[in-house]
Amino acid sequence: MTTAPEGCVPLASEAKFNAWRSLTSTFDHIAAFRFTLTNINAADHFERITVGEVSAELFALFGARTQTGRTFSAADHVWY
């Protein structure tokens, strides 16, 4: 939980997430996800869509493997 001026919200800040990830010795993986809205340019108009953002550890957390290509790496991990 994060305390904000508008009250408690069920979110963790990037700083909290990084602290949990660096301090844990109990879990092999800790991952984060969030949903947000963004605009895309769909030819002749803009459309607002919901997108999901995940940390690089999400796939390892669930044991997901790719058939081709690769999953995200720590170098790909960027929060906006």
Protein backbone atom coordinates (compact mmCIF):
# COMPACT_ATOMS: atom_id res chain seq x y z
CA MET A 1 0.00 0.00 0.00
CA THR A 2 1.08 3.51 -0.74
CA THR A 3 -0.15 6.47 1.24
CA ALA A 4 -1.03 9.45 -0.91
CA PRO A 5 -2.75 12.77 -0.15
CA GLU A 6 -6.02 11.20 -1.32
CA GLY A 7 -5.58 8.25 1.06
CA CYS A 8 -4.19 4.72 0.84
CA VAL A 9 -4.05 3.18 -2.60
CA PRO A 10 -3.25 -0.48 -3.35
CA LEU A 11 -0.12 0.39 -5.31
CA ALA A 12 3.56 0.23 -4.58
CA SER A 13 5.87 2.93 -5.79
CA GLU A 14 8.85 2.06 -7.95
CA ALA A 15 11.09 2.77 -4.93
CA LYS A 16 9.13 0.33 -2.73
CA PHE A 17 9.18 -2.33 -5.44
CA ASN A 18 12.96 -1.97 -5.88
CA ALA A 19 13.46 -2.15 -2.10
CA TRP A 20 11.35 -5.31 -1.82
CA ARG A 21 13.22 -6.86 -4.74
CA SER A 22 16.67 -6.08 -3.31
CA LEU A 23 15.87 -7.01 0.30
CA THR A 24 14.09 -10.32 -0.15
CA SER A 25 15.77 -13.65 0.47
CA THR A 26 12.51 -15.59 0.67
CA PHE A 27 11.37 -15.37 -2.95
CA ASP A 28 13.23 -16.31 -6.10
CA HIS A 29 11.38 -13.67 -8.13
CA ILE A 30 9.35 -10.55 -7.41
CA ALA A 31 7.46 -8.96 -10.28
CA ALA A 32 5.27 -5.93 -10.79
CA PHE A 33 2.49 -5.00 -13.17
CA ARG A 34 0.16 -2.10 -13.69
CA PHE A 35 -2.47 -0.98 -16.14
CA THR A 36 -2.60 2.49 -17.62
CA LEU A 37 -4.29 4.37 -20.43
CA THR A 38 -2.52 5.57 -23.54
CA ASN A 39 -3.43 7.09 -26.89
CA ILE A 40 -2.66 5.44 -30.22
CA ASN A 41 -2.92 6.93 -33.65
CA ALA A 42 -5.31 4.66 -35.59
CA ALA A 43 -4.93 5.97 -39.16
CA ASP A 44 -7.29 8.97 -39.20
CA HIS A 45 -8.12 9.23 -35.50
CA PHE A 46 -6.70 8.76 -32.03
CA GLU A 47 -7.95 5.98 -29.82
CA ARG A 48 -7.52 5.67 -26.05
CA ILE A 49 -6.68 2.13 -24.96
CA THR A 50 -5.73 0.32 -21.76
CA VAL A 51 -2.24 -1.15 -21.77
CA GLY A 52 -0.42 -3.34 -19.29
CA GLU A 53 3.14 -2.79 -18.14
CA VAL A 54 5.14 -5.57 -16.48
CA SER A 55 8.57 -5.84 -14.92
CA ALA A 56 11.18 -8.11 -16.49
CA GLU A 57 10.75 -10.74 -13.76
CA LEU A 58 7.07 -11.47 -14.53
CA PHE A 59 7.77 -14.27 -17.00
CA ALA A 60 10.31 -15.98 -14.74
CA LEU A 61 7.89 -15.69 -11.81
CA PHE A 62 5.32 -17.78 -13.67
CA GLY A 63 7.88 -20.05 -15.34
CA ALA A 64 6.84 -18.81 -18.79
CA ARG A 65 9.06 -19.69 -21.73
CA THR A 66 8.97 -18.35 -25.23
CA GLN A 67 8.64 -20.50 -28.32
CA THR A 68 10.71 -18.02 -30.29
CA GLY A 69 12.52 -14.84 -29.37
CA ARG A 70 13.07 -13.84 -25.78
CA THR A 71 11.35 -12.37 -22.76
CA PHE A 72 12.29 -9.02 -21.25
CA SER A 73 15.65 -8.60 -19.58
CA ALA A 74 16.61 -6.30 -16.73
CA ALA A 75 18.10 -3.94 -19.34
CA ASP A 76 14.64 -3.64 -20.94
CA HIS A 77 13.04 -2.65 -17.61
CA VAL A 78 11.99 1.01 -17.86
CA TRP A 79 9.21 2.68 -15.87
CA TYR A 80 7.58 5.81 -17.21
